Amino acid sequence: MFIDYATIQIRAGAGGNGCVAFRREKFVPHGGPSGGDGGRGGSVVLVSSSQLNTLLDFRYQREFRAGRGGHGEGSNRHGRDGDDCIVTVPVGTVARDPETEAVLFDFTAPDQRFVAARGGRGGRGNARFATATNQAPRNAEPGRAGEERELVLELKLLSDVGLVGYPNAGKSTLISRISAARPKIADYPFTTLAPHLGVVRCDDWRSFVVADIPGLIEGAHAGAGLGDRFLRHVERTRVLVHLVDVSGLEPRDPVERLKAINRELALFNPALADKPQLVVATKLDAVSDNAQLKRLRLHCRRRKQPFLAVSAVSGDGLPELVRTLGEMLAVAP
């Protein structure tokens, strides 16, 4: 199950209390204060890992607590520090503040660490308060409480190429033909409900990662369909592949469909409109009238936009598609 959004509650450990104690030993009539400090509370630390690819674990566990610090003891013995709570998240996770929606940390590589909640400081024992004028202090500090907060975790897939387009444009079929990914494919209309990743090999030493994004519809940027949940996954891609069905089964003009999805991308994040985009006409094997294909090709030619026509079923155009994507990625930022 692919889960890319979770809300968790984290609480760092409180610091231990300082101790009030005095040395009482034979032949030491004025031993003085000997109360030790309390230990530091444990912190909640988020660590990224390449071994995870979903936030599924946070559906079953939403609260994370670090250990509290031990109390100080006599003979100047300090309390032990509390154990840190390590929370492992997938690479590509973004930690946000739920109230301000500010990005607290963006995990873009494995083994990155973010202290999400710091443990409380331990209280000082009475030995810390001894002075020349107050040689027998009887006061100590309590430990401070650890930080407590709510976090929103969002997972954005890390991929080189993102496949976008209307539902049933052929994205799942295409990624299954050019990579080892195996999304659900059937001979009836439906839309993918979760993103899929596939590794595409250009040659013996070059490869890239493709993300199959669930189908978009008009209004996706505002929450229509599944768009607002999955548009975030194309934000990290370097190249977009816009698939347009030209089989004739879709009555709406292909140029209008192309423009509609591009508007949704720009409204969701203006930076998406600046990404390199390859327009791919799909389902050539089912084309009975070339009118839609000609209109789409002419539109892209006028705009000087890269264009290809492929059939994922028969394999026509797929080698050229992989080669073109490799060339675009070689110069893409």
Protein backbone atom coordinates (compact mmCIF):
# COMPACT_ATOMS: atom_id res chain seq x y z
CA MET A 1 0.00 0.00 0.00
CA PHE A 2 1.37 3.40 -1.01
CA ILE A 3 0.90 6.08 1.66
CA ASP A 4 2.42 9.51 1.00
CA TYR A 5 0.85 11.65 3.75
CA ALA A 6 0.88 11.27 7.53
CA THR A 7 0.44 13.34 10.68
CA ILE A 8 2.42 12.34 13.76
CA GLN A 9 2.70 13.55 17.35
CA ILE A 10 6.20 13.65 18.85
CA ARG A 11 7.34 14.35 22.40
CA ALA A 12 10.90 14.69 23.61
CA GLY A 13 11.88 13.45 27.05
CA ALA A 14 11.92 15.73 30.09
CA GLY A 15 15.17 16.40 31.90
CA GLY A 16 15.81 14.76 35.27
CA ASN A 17 15.53 16.71 38.52
CA GLY A 18 18.59 17.92 40.37
CA CYS A 19 19.32 16.36 43.77
CA VAL A 20 19.69 17.91 47.24
CA ALA A 21 22.27 15.93 49.21
CA PHE A 22 25.26 16.43 51.54
CA ARG A 23 28.44 14.45 52.06
CA ARG A 24 28.32 12.45 55.26
CA GLU A 25 31.57 10.56 55.73
CA LYS A 26 33.69 9.69 58.72
CA PHE A 27 36.38 12.26 59.38
CA VAL A 28 34.67 14.73 56.98
CA PRO A 29 32.67 16.89 59.39
CA HIS A 30 31.88 19.61 56.82
CA GLY A 31 31.44 17.61 53.63
CA GLY A 32 29.25 20.17 51.95
CA PRO A 33 26.59 19.76 49.26
CA SER A 34 26.90 16.76 46.93
CA GLY A 35 23.67 16.69 44.95
CA GLY A 36 24.21 15.75 41.29
CA ASP A 37 22.52 17.16 38.19
CA GLY A 38 19.63 15.52 36.40
CA GLY A 39 20.22 13.91 33.00
CA ARG A 40 19.19 15.43 29.69
CA GLY A 41 15.93 14.21 28.16
CA GLY A 42 16.07 12.27 24.91
CA SER A 43 15.30 13.98 21.59
CA VAL A 44 13.10 12.83 18.72
CA VAL A 45 15.28 12.54 15.61
CA LEU A 46 14.05 11.92 12.06
CA VAL A 47 16.49 9.96 9.86
CA SER A 48 16.07 9.34 6.13
CA SER A 49 16.53 5.88 4.66
CA SER A 50 16.60 4.57 1.09
CA GLN A 51 15.16 1.26 2.32
CA LEU A 52 11.66 2.75 2.68
CA ASN A 53 9.41 4.02 -0.11
CA THR A 54 6.13 4.76 1.69
CA LEU A 55 4.80 6.31 4.91
CA LEU A 56 2.70 3.24 5.62
CA ASP A 57 4.26 2.66 9.05
CA PHE A 58 2.87 5.97 10.30
CA ARG A 59 -0.67 4.80 9.68
CA TYR A 60 -0.31 2.36 12.58
CA GLN A 61 1.93 4.38 14.89
CA ARG A 62 1.33 8.10 15.19
CA GLU A 63 2.92 8.92 18.57
CA PHE A 64 6.65 8.88 19.26
CA ARG A 65 8.23 9.62 22.65
CA ALA A 66 11.84 9.84 23.70
CA GLY A 67 13.08 8.70 27.12
CA ARG A 68 13.25 11.09 30.05
CA GLY A 69 16.48 11.89 31.86
CA GLY A 70 17.38 10.26 35.16
CA HIS A 71 17.33 12.24 38.41
CA GLY A 72 20.56 13.37 40.06
CA GLU A 73 21.80 11.49 43.13
CA GLY A 74 24.06 12.10 46.09
CA SER A 75 27.86 11.90 45.95
CA ASN A 76 27.72 14.18 42.88
CA ARG A 77 26.26 11.45 40.71
CA HIS A 78 24.54 12.81 37.63
CA GLY A 79 21.40 11.23 36.24
CA ARG A 80 21.74 9.35 32.97
CA ASP A 81 20.62 10.98 29.72
CA GLY A 82 17.34 9.83 28.20
CA ASP A 83 17.37 7.65 25.08
CA ASP A 84 16.72 9.40 21.78
CA CYS A 85 13.76 8.27 19.71
CA ILE A 86 14.87 7.57 16.12
CA VAL A 87 12.08 7.84 13.53
CA THR A 88 13.00 6.49 10.08
CA VAL A 89 11.40 8.14 7.04
CA PRO A 90 11.82 7.52 3.28
CA VAL A 91 14.11 9.68 1.20
CA GLY A 92 11.95 12.38 -0.37
CA THR A 93 9.96 13.10 2.79
CA VAL A 94 9.17 16.70 3.68
CA ALA A 95 8.49 17.59 7.34
CA ARG A 96 6.09 20.51 7.74
CA ASP A 97 4.57 22.51 10.57
CA PRO A 98 0.80 21.81 10.43
CA GLU A 99 -0.17 25.37 11.48
CA THR A 100 2.14 27.51 9.36
CA GLU A 101 2.78 24.85 6.64
CA ALA A 102 6.43 25.92 6.76
CA VAL A 103 8.96 23.33 5.58
CA LEU A 104 11.05 22.28 8.59
CA PHE A 105 13.27 19.81 6.74
CA ASP A 106 13.46 18.24 3.29
CA PHE A 107 15.08 14.79 3.15
CA THR A 108 16.71 14.56 -0.27
CA ALA A 109 19.44 11.99 0.48
CA PRO A 110 19.90 8.91 2.71
CA ASP A 111 21.10 9.22 6.32
CA GLN A 112 20.09 12.86 6.77
CA ARG A 113 19.15 13.72 10.37
CA PHE A 114 16.71 16.30 11.71
CA VAL A 115 16.13 16.89 15.41
CA ALA A 116 12.39 17.45 15.37
CA ALA A 117 11.95 17.82 19.16
CA ARG A 118 14.78 18.51 21.61
CA GLY A 119 14.93 16.91 25.01
CA GLY A 120 14.62 18.99 28.16
CA ARG A 121 17.71 20.08 30.08
CA GLY A 122 18.41 18.35 33.38
CA GLY A 123 18.05 20.35 36.58
CA ARG A 124 21.11 21.37 38.57
CA GLY A 125 21.81 19.73 41.92
CA ASN A 126 22.52 21.71 45.08
CA ALA A 127 26.29 21.26 44.63
CA ARG A 128 26.02 23.76 41.78
CA PHE A 129 24.67 26.48 44.07
CA ALA A 130 27.43 26.41 46.70
CA THR A 131 29.17 29.77 47.14
CA ALA A 132 31.43 31.34 49.73
CA THR A 133 28.42 32.92 51.41
CA ASN A 134 26.03 29.99 50.90
CA GLN A 135 28.03 26.88 51.68
CA ALA A 136 25.07 24.60 52.41
CA PRO A 137 22.42 25.32 49.77
CA ARG A 138 19.25 23.31 50.10
CA ASN A 139 17.74 24.04 46.71
CA ALA A 140 17.96 22.27 43.37
CA GLU A 141 16.37 22.76 39.96
CA PRO A 142 13.66 20.58 38.47
CA GLY A 143 14.26 19.19 34.99
CA ARG A 144 12.80 21.06 32.05
CA ALA A 145 10.08 19.57 29.90
CA GLY A 146 10.99 18.34 26.43
CA GLU A 147 9.57 19.83 23.27
CA GLU A 148 6.24 18.52 22.04
CA ARG A 149 4.78 19.16 18.61
CA GLU A 150 2.76 17.80 15.74
CA LEU A 151 4.40 17.13 12.39
CA VAL A 152 2.99 16.65 8.91
CA LEU A 153 5.02 14.27 6.74
CA GLU A 154 4.66 14.41 2.96
CA LEU A 155 6.44 12.04 0.62
CA LYS A 156 7.54 13.36 -2.77
CA LEU A 157 8.92 10.70 -5.06
CA LEU A 158 12.45 11.21 -6.34
CA SER A 159 12.46 10.51 -10.07
CA ASP A 160 14.05 11.87 -13.22
CA VAL A 161 10.98 11.68 -15.45
CA GLY A 162 7.31 12.17 -14.57
CA LEU A 163 4.47 10.83 -16.72
CA VAL A 164 1.43 13.13 -16.67
CA GLY A 165 -1.83 13.25 -18.57
CA TYR A 166 -5.54 12.54 -18.38
CA PRO A 167 -6.76 9.23 -16.95
CA ASN A 168 -6.48 6.34 -19.44
CA ALA A 169 -3.87 8.13 -21.53
CA GLY A 170 -1.66 5.02 -21.42
CA LYS A 171 0.81 5.96 -18.67
CA SER A 172 0.72 2.62 -16.86
CA THR A 173 1.06 0.64 -20.09
CA LEU A 174 4.00 2.78 -21.17
CA ILE A 175 5.96 2.42 -17.93
CA SER A 176 5.37 -1.33 -17.97
CA ARG A 177 6.93 -1.56 -21.45
CA ILE A 178 10.02 0.59 -20.90
CA SER A 179 10.82 -0.61 -17.35
CA ALA A 180 10.28 -3.51 -14.98
CA ALA A 181 7.41 -1.73 -13.15
CA ARG A 182 4.15 -3.67 -13.18
CA PRO A 183 1.20 -1.37 -12.41
CA LYS A 184 -2.35 -2.57 -12.90
CA ILE A 185 -3.36 -2.64 -16.59
CA ALA A 186 -6.73 -3.74 -17.97
CA ASP A 187 -8.87 -3.43 -21.11
CA TYR A 188 -11.47 -1.21 -19.42
CA PRO A 189 -11.28 2.46 -18.35
CA PHE A 190 -9.89 3.14 -14.86
CA THR A 191 -7.25 5.34 -13.30
CA THR A 192 -4.15 4.45 -11.33
CA LEU A 193 -4.62 5.14 -7.62
CA ALA A 194 -0.96 5.24 -6.54
CA PRO A 195 2.28 6.37 -8.19
CA HIS A 196 4.67 3.74 -9.55
CA LEU A 197 8.40 3.99 -10.13
CA GLY A 198 10.33 2.24 -12.87
CA VAL A 199 14.00 2.20 -13.83
CA VAL A 200 14.63 2.63 -17.56
CA ARG A 201 17.99 1.66 -19.03
CA CYS A 202 19.29 3.83 -21.88
CA ASP A 203 22.42 1.81 -22.59
CA ASP A 204 24.98 -0.27 -20.73
CA TRP A 205 25.96 2.50 -18.33
CA ARG A 206 23.06 5.00 -18.24
CA SER A 207 19.62 4.66 -16.66
CA PHE A 208 16.92 6.92 -15.24
CA VAL A 209 13.87 6.65 -13.00
CA VAL A 210 10.33 7.22 -14.32
CA ALA A 211 7.31 7.97 -12.12
CA ASP A 212 3.80 7.06 -13.29
CA ILE A 213 1.55 9.73 -11.72
CA PRO A 214 -2.20 8.99 -11.36
CA GLY A 215 -4.35 10.65 -14.00
CA LEU A 216 -5.11 14.35 -13.71
CA ILE A 217 -8.32 16.20 -14.50
CA GLU A 218 -9.30 19.84 -14.68
CA GLY A 219 -9.37 21.38 -11.21
CA ALA A 220 -6.70 18.96 -9.92
CA HIS A 221 -4.70 21.82 -8.37
CA ALA A 222 -7.73 22.69 -6.22
CA GLY A 223 -8.47 19.12 -5.12
CA ALA A 224 -10.53 17.67 -7.97
CA GLY A 225 -9.95 13.95 -8.37
CA LEU A 226 -6.64 12.73 -6.96
CA GLY A 227 -4.57 15.56 -8.41
CA ASP A 228 -3.86 17.58 -5.28
CA ARG A 229 -2.56 14.44 -3.56
CA PHE A 230 -0.19 13.37 -6.33
CA LEU A 231 0.86 16.56 -8.11
CA ARG A 232 3.56 16.95 -5.47
CA HIS A 233 5.32 13.92 -6.92
CA VAL A 234 6.14 15.71 -10.18
CA GLU A 235 7.75 18.67 -8.38
CA ARG A 236 11.09 16.86 -8.06
CA THR A 237 11.22 15.49 -11.61
CA ARG A 238 13.67 16.91 -14.13
CA VAL A 239 11.63 16.18 -17.28
CA LEU A 240 7.88 15.80 -17.81
CA VAL A 241 6.40 13.44 -20.39
CA HIS A 242 2.89 14.56 -21.29
CA LEU A 243 0.88 11.66 -22.70
CA VAL A 244 -2.09 12.48 -24.97
CA ASP A 245 -4.49 9.82 -26.30
CA VAL A 246 -4.97 10.24 -30.08
CA SER A 247 -6.89 7.01 -30.69
CA GLY A 248 -10.12 8.93 -31.35
CA LEU A 249 -11.97 7.29 -28.44
CA GLU A 250 -11.69 10.57 -26.52
CA PRO A 251 -13.99 13.09 -28.29
CA ARG A 252 -12.34 16.21 -26.89
CA ASP A 253 -9.65 17.87 -29.00
CA PRO A 254 -6.14 16.64 -28.00
CA VAL A 255 -4.69 20.17 -28.07
CA GLU A 256 -7.32 21.33 -25.56
CA ARG A 257 -6.52 18.36 -23.33
CA LEU A 258 -2.82 19.20 -23.52
CA LYS A 259 -3.45 22.83 -22.58
CA ALA A 260 -5.82 21.90 -19.75
CA ILE A 261 -3.28 19.67 -17.97
CA ASN A 262 -0.51 22.25 -18.45
CA ARG A 263 -2.76 24.86 -16.81
CA GLU A 264 -3.26 22.58 -13.82
CA LEU A 265 0.49 22.07 -13.47
CA ALA A 266 1.15 25.82 -13.59
CA LEU A 267 -1.62 26.60 -11.09
CA PHE A 268 -0.33 23.99 -8.64
CA ASN A 269 3.28 25.19 -8.88
CA PRO A 270 4.48 27.78 -11.43
CA ALA A 271 7.89 26.07 -11.51
CA LEU A 272 6.29 23.04 -13.18
CA ALA A 273 5.51 25.14 -16.25
CA ASP A 274 9.24 25.78 -16.74
CA LYS A 275 10.29 22.12 -16.67
CA PRO A 276 11.38 20.52 -19.97
CA GLN A 277 8.37 18.70 -21.40
CA LEU A 278 8.08 16.04 -24.08
CA VAL A 279 4.63 15.59 -25.63
CA VAL A 280 3.89 11.96 -26.56
CA ALA A 281 0.89 10.90 -28.63
CA THR A 282 -0.19 7.44 -27.44
CA LYS A 283 -2.31 4.50 -28.65
CA LEU A 284 -1.19 4.68 -32.27
CA ASP A 285 -2.26 1.06 -32.69
CA ALA A 286 -5.90 2.10 -32.12
CA VAL A 287 -5.90 5.16 -34.41
CA SER A 288 -8.56 4.98 -37.15
CA ASP A 289 -8.41 8.66 -38.14
CA ASN A 290 -5.15 10.63 -38.13
CA ALA A 291 -6.88 13.99 -37.64
CA GLN A 292 -6.18 14.20 -33.90
CA LEU A 293 -2.57 13.11 -34.35
CA LYS A 294 -2.01 15.73 -37.07
CA ARG A 295 -3.52 18.54 -34.97
CA LEU A 296 -1.38 17.66 -31.97
CA ARG A 297 1.81 17.36 -34.04
CA LEU A 298 1.13 20.71 -35.75
CA HIS A 299 0.49 22.42 -32.40
CA CYS A 300 3.79 21.16 -30.97
CA ARG A 301 5.67 22.12 -34.15
CA ARG A 302 4.36 25.68 -33.94
CA ARG A 303 5.43 25.94 -30.30
CA LYS A 304 8.78 24.24 -31.04
CA GLN A 305 7.97 21.63 -28.41
CA PRO A 306 9.47 18.11 -28.61
CA PHE A 307 6.93 15.62 -29.91
CA LEU A 308 6.81 11.86 -30.44
CA ALA A 309 4.13 9.35 -31.33
CA VAL A 310 4.26 5.85 -29.82
CA SER A 311 2.27 2.70 -29.27
CA ALA A 312 3.00 0.98 -25.98
CA VAL A 313 1.09 -2.10 -27.16
CA SER A 314 2.99 -2.72 -30.39
CA GLY A 315 6.23 -1.06 -29.24
CA ASP A 316 6.35 1.47 -32.10
CA GLY A 317 8.39 4.53 -31.14
CA LEU A 318 9.49 3.25 -27.73
CA PRO A 319 13.24 3.00 -28.53
CA GLU A 320 13.17 6.55 -29.87
CA LEU A 321 11.29 7.68 -26.75
CA VAL A 322 13.91 6.22 -24.41
CA ARG A 323 16.72 7.70 -26.48
CA THR A 324 15.08 11.15 -26.53
CA LEU A 325 14.53 11.13 -22.77
CA GLY A 326 18.17 10.22 -22.23
CA GLU A 327 19.24 13.18 -24.37
CA MET A 328 16.88 15.56 -22.56
CA LEU A 329 18.11 14.41 -19.14
CA ALA A 330 21.72 14.93 -20.21
CA VAL A 331 21.11 18.67 -20.49
CA ALA A 332 18.25 19.11 -17.98
CA PRO A 333 19.14 20.89 -14.71
